[in-house]
Each structure stands twice: as C-alpha cells, then as structure tokens.
C-alpha cells in the first residue's frame, strides 16, 4: 500500500477554520472518486504547531506505486488541482510512503 501525503498551506482568505473544513471535505470526496485511489482522507491541524505550518493534509492511498502516476495525470485530478485547489493554495508539498513489503 502506498500513501501519498500532501500538505497544503492555503491562501489567507481560505486559512480560516471554515475554509480549512470546506477544503478538506470537498477534497476528500473529489480525490476518492479518481480511478486508482483506494481511499482518500483530508485532515485539518489538531494543534497550534501544526496550524502554524499547514492548513490541510491529504492522505491518498493506492494499491501500488504504479497507480500513482496515472492518478497524477488523470483528468479528474488535473481538474481538481487547476480548478479547485491551486486557486486556494499558496504552497503544496507531496511525498509517497510505503506501508511495508
């Protein structure tokens, strides 16, 4: 299992409790609908130290690393980024993690 972890710093107008919750809820639904995604969660900071750096974290899970690239270039993902997330995000960082052998 591969977990793609994405950390997002939102633009100021979205970096509010309501904005974070809205982005998280919409993103979890949108990302989970993309082919190849086994599951998708979107989380908001639980403490002040996390909140100081990031506004939302996505955990997108795949059966294998081979499923990540098709997801990244899938039209639903590209549309999610271009039409929804990018206008709201100041910074995005993504990493892939393996849950074991």
C-alpha atoms as a PDB file:
ATOM      1  CA  UNK A   1       0.000   0.000   0.000  1.00  0.00           C
ATOM      2  CA  UNK A   2       1.258   3.467  -0.944  1.00  0.00           C
ATOM      3  CA  UNK A   3       0.126   6.578   0.916  1.00  0.00           C
ATOM      4  CA  UNK A   4       0.598   9.874  -0.868  1.00  0.00           C
ATOM      5  CA  UNK A   5       0.844  12.590   1.779  1.00  0.00           C
ATOM      6  CA  UNK A   6       0.113  16.116   0.581  1.00  0.00           C
ATOM      7  CA  UNK A   7       0.497  19.145   2.845  1.00  0.00           C
ATOM      8  CA  UNK A   8      -1.205  22.375   1.813  1.00  0.00           C
ATOM      9  CA  UNK A   9      -0.793  25.945   3.040  1.00  0.00           C
ATOM     10  CA  UNK A  10      -3.896  27.844   1.956  1.00  0.00           C
ATOM     11  CA  UNK A  11      -4.088  31.446   0.834  1.00  0.00           C
ATOM     12  CA  UNK A  12      -5.090  33.770   3.677  1.00  0.00           C
ATOM     13  CA  UNK A  13      -8.747  34.026   2.653  1.00  0.00           C
ATOM     14  CA  UNK A  14      -9.097  30.227   2.963  1.00  0.00           C
ATOM     15  CA  UNK A  15      -6.881  29.819   6.066  1.00  0.00           C
ATOM     16  CA  UNK A  16      -9.797  30.014   8.487  1.00  0.00           C
ATOM     17  CA  UNK A  17     -11.497  27.208  10.419  1.00  0.00           C
ATOM     18  CA  UNK A  18     -14.417  27.281   7.975  1.00  0.00           C
ATOM     19  CA  UNK A  19     -12.142  27.478   4.930  1.00  0.00           C
ATOM     20  CA  UNK A  20      -9.986  24.573   6.092  1.00  0.00           C
ATOM     21  CA  UNK A  21     -13.036  22.426   6.834  1.00  0.00           C
ATOM     22  CA  UNK A  22     -14.580  23.270   3.461  1.00  0.00           C
ATOM     23  CA  UNK A  23     -11.410  22.468   1.507  1.00  0.00           C
ATOM     24  CA  UNK A  24     -10.890  19.243   3.472  1.00  0.00           C
ATOM     25  CA  UNK A  25     -14.453  17.977   2.969  1.00  0.00           C
ATOM     26  CA  UNK A  26     -14.574  18.765  -0.753  1.00  0.00           C
ATOM     27  CA  UNK A  27     -11.084  17.391  -1.390  1.00  0.00           C
ATOM     28  CA  UNK A  28     -11.697  14.070   0.357  1.00  0.00           C
ATOM     29  CA  UNK A  29     -14.765  13.488  -1.809  1.00  0.00           C
ATOM     30  CA  UNK A  30     -13.117  14.626  -5.048  1.00  0.00           C
ATOM     31  CA  UNK A  31      -9.897  12.670  -4.566  1.00  0.00           C
ATOM     32  CA  UNK A  32     -11.682   9.458  -3.591  1.00  0.00           C
ATOM     33  CA  UNK A  33     -13.539   9.488  -6.940  1.00  0.00           C
ATOM     34  CA  UNK A  34     -10.361   9.365  -9.036  1.00  0.00           C
ATOM     35  CA  UNK A  35      -9.651   5.925 -10.544  1.00  0.00           C
ATOM     36  CA  UNK A  36      -6.835   4.080  -8.810  1.00  0.00           C
ATOM     37  CA  UNK A  37      -7.443   5.685  -5.412  1.00  0.00           C
ATOM     38  CA  UNK A  38      -8.069   3.067  -2.721  1.00  0.00           C
ATOM     39  CA  UNK A  39      -9.046   5.732  -0.157  1.00  0.00           C
ATOM     40  CA  UNK A  40      -8.630   9.436   0.488  1.00  0.00           C
ATOM     41  CA  UNK A  41      -8.717  11.419   3.702  1.00  0.00           C
ATOM     42  CA  UNK A  42      -8.302  15.141   4.256  1.00  0.00           C
ATOM     43  CA  UNK A  43      -7.316  16.372   7.699  1.00  0.00           C
ATOM     44  CA  UNK A  44      -7.008  19.746   9.397  1.00  0.00           C
ATOM     45  CA  UNK A  45      -4.451  20.701  12.079  1.00  0.00           C
ATOM     46  CA  UNK A  46      -5.111  19.455  15.605  1.00  0.00           C
ATOM     47  CA  UNK A  47      -2.640  21.724  17.424  1.00  0.00           C
ATOM     48  CA  UNK A  48      -1.059  25.164  17.165  1.00  0.00           C
ATOM     49  CA  UNK A  49       2.321  23.851  15.989  1.00  0.00           C
ATOM     50  CA  UNK A  50       0.717  22.083  13.019  1.00  0.00           C
ATOM     51  CA  UNK A  51      -1.514  25.059  12.276  1.00  0.00           C
ATOM     52  CA  UNK A  52       1.499  27.359  12.140  1.00  0.00           C
ATOM     53  CA  UNK A  53       2.849  25.454   9.124  1.00  0.00           C
ATOM     54  CA  UNK A  54      -0.021  23.799   7.259  1.00  0.00           C
ATOM     55  CA  UNK A  55      -3.785  24.108   6.786  1.00  0.00           C
ATOM     56  CA  UNK A  56      -4.819  20.777   5.265  1.00  0.00           C
ATOM     57  CA  UNK A  57      -3.224  17.359   4.807  1.00  0.00           C
ATOM     58  CA  UNK A  58      -4.387  14.772   2.271  1.00  0.00           C
ATOM     59  CA  UNK A  59      -3.702  11.056   2.695  1.00  0.00           C
ATOM     60  CA  UNK A  60      -4.393   9.369  -0.632  1.00  0.00           C
ATOM     61  CA  UNK A  61      -3.860   5.612  -0.679  1.00  0.00           C
ATOM     62  CA  UNK A  62      -3.049   3.364  -3.634  1.00  0.00           C
ATOM     63  CA  UNK A  63      -2.562  -0.381  -4.006  1.00  0.00           C
ATOM     64  CA  UNK A  64       0.881   0.144  -5.576  1.00  0.00           C
ATOM     65  CA  UNK A  65       3.358   2.815  -6.638  1.00  0.00           C
ATOM     66  CA  UNK A  66       2.413   2.074 -10.253  1.00  0.00           C
ATOM     67  CA  UNK A  67      -1.048   3.553  -9.582  1.00  0.00           C
ATOM     68  CA  UNK A  68       0.305   6.956  -8.518  1.00  0.00           C
ATOM     69  CA  UNK A  69       1.397   8.362 -11.890  1.00  0.00           C
ATOM     70  CA  UNK A  70      -1.877   7.557 -13.692  1.00  0.00           C
ATOM     71  CA  UNK A  71      -3.673   9.283 -10.780  1.00  0.00           C
ATOM     72  CA  UNK A  72      -1.441  12.352 -11.020  1.00  0.00           C
ATOM     73  CA  UNK A  73      -2.222  12.865 -14.711  1.00  0.00           C
ATOM     74  CA  UNK A  74      -5.853  11.710 -14.651  1.00  0.00           C
ATOM     75  CA  UNK A  75      -8.215  14.440 -15.962  1.00  0.00           C
ATOM     76  CA  UNK A  76     -10.233  14.407 -12.709  1.00  0.00           C
ATOM     77  CA  UNK A  77      -7.064  15.042 -10.681  1.00  0.00           C
ATOM     78  CA  UNK A  78      -5.784  17.705 -13.059  1.00  0.00           C
ATOM     79  CA  UNK A  79      -9.180  19.442 -12.948  1.00  0.00           C
ATOM     80  CA  UNK A  80      -9.266  19.218  -9.135  1.00  0.00           C
ATOM     81  CA  UNK A  81      -5.864  20.909  -8.985  1.00  0.00           C
ATOM     82  CA  UNK A  82      -6.362  23.545 -11.659  1.00  0.00           C
ATOM     83  CA  UNK A  83      -9.978  24.474 -10.975  1.00  0.00           C
ATOM     84  CA  UNK A  84     -10.285  23.943  -7.223  1.00  0.00           C
ATOM     85  CA  UNK A  85      -7.113  23.594  -5.168  1.00  0.00           C
ATOM     86  CA  UNK A  86      -4.491  25.719  -6.925  1.00  0.00           C
ATOM     87  CA  UNK A  87      -6.531  28.956  -6.679  1.00  0.00           C
ATOM     88  CA  UNK A  88      -6.821  28.370  -2.909  1.00  0.00           C
ATOM     89  CA  UNK A  89      -3.298  27.099  -2.156  1.00  0.00           C
ATOM     90  CA  UNK A  90      -0.139  29.092  -1.520  1.00  0.00           C
ATOM     91  CA  UNK A  91       2.116  26.033  -1.063  1.00  0.00           C
ATOM     92  CA  UNK A  92       1.717  22.307  -1.749  1.00  0.00           C
ATOM     93  CA  UNK A  93       4.202  19.549  -0.899  1.00  0.00           C
ATOM     94  CA  UNK A  94       3.691  15.854  -1.702  1.00  0.00           C
ATOM     95  CA  UNK A  95       5.506  12.643  -0.752  1.00  0.00           C
ATOM     96  CA  UNK A  96       4.812   8.930  -1.308  1.00  0.00           C
ATOM     97  CA  UNK A  97       5.172   6.433   1.526  1.00  0.00           C
ATOM     98  CA  UNK A  98       5.102   2.639   1.551  1.00  0.00           C
ATOM     99  CA  UNK A  99       3.360   0.741   4.334  1.00  0.00           C
ATOM    100  CA  UNK A 100       5.724  -2.195   4.012  1.00  0.00           C
ATOM    101  CA  UNK A 101       6.611  -5.185   1.945  1.00  0.00           C
END
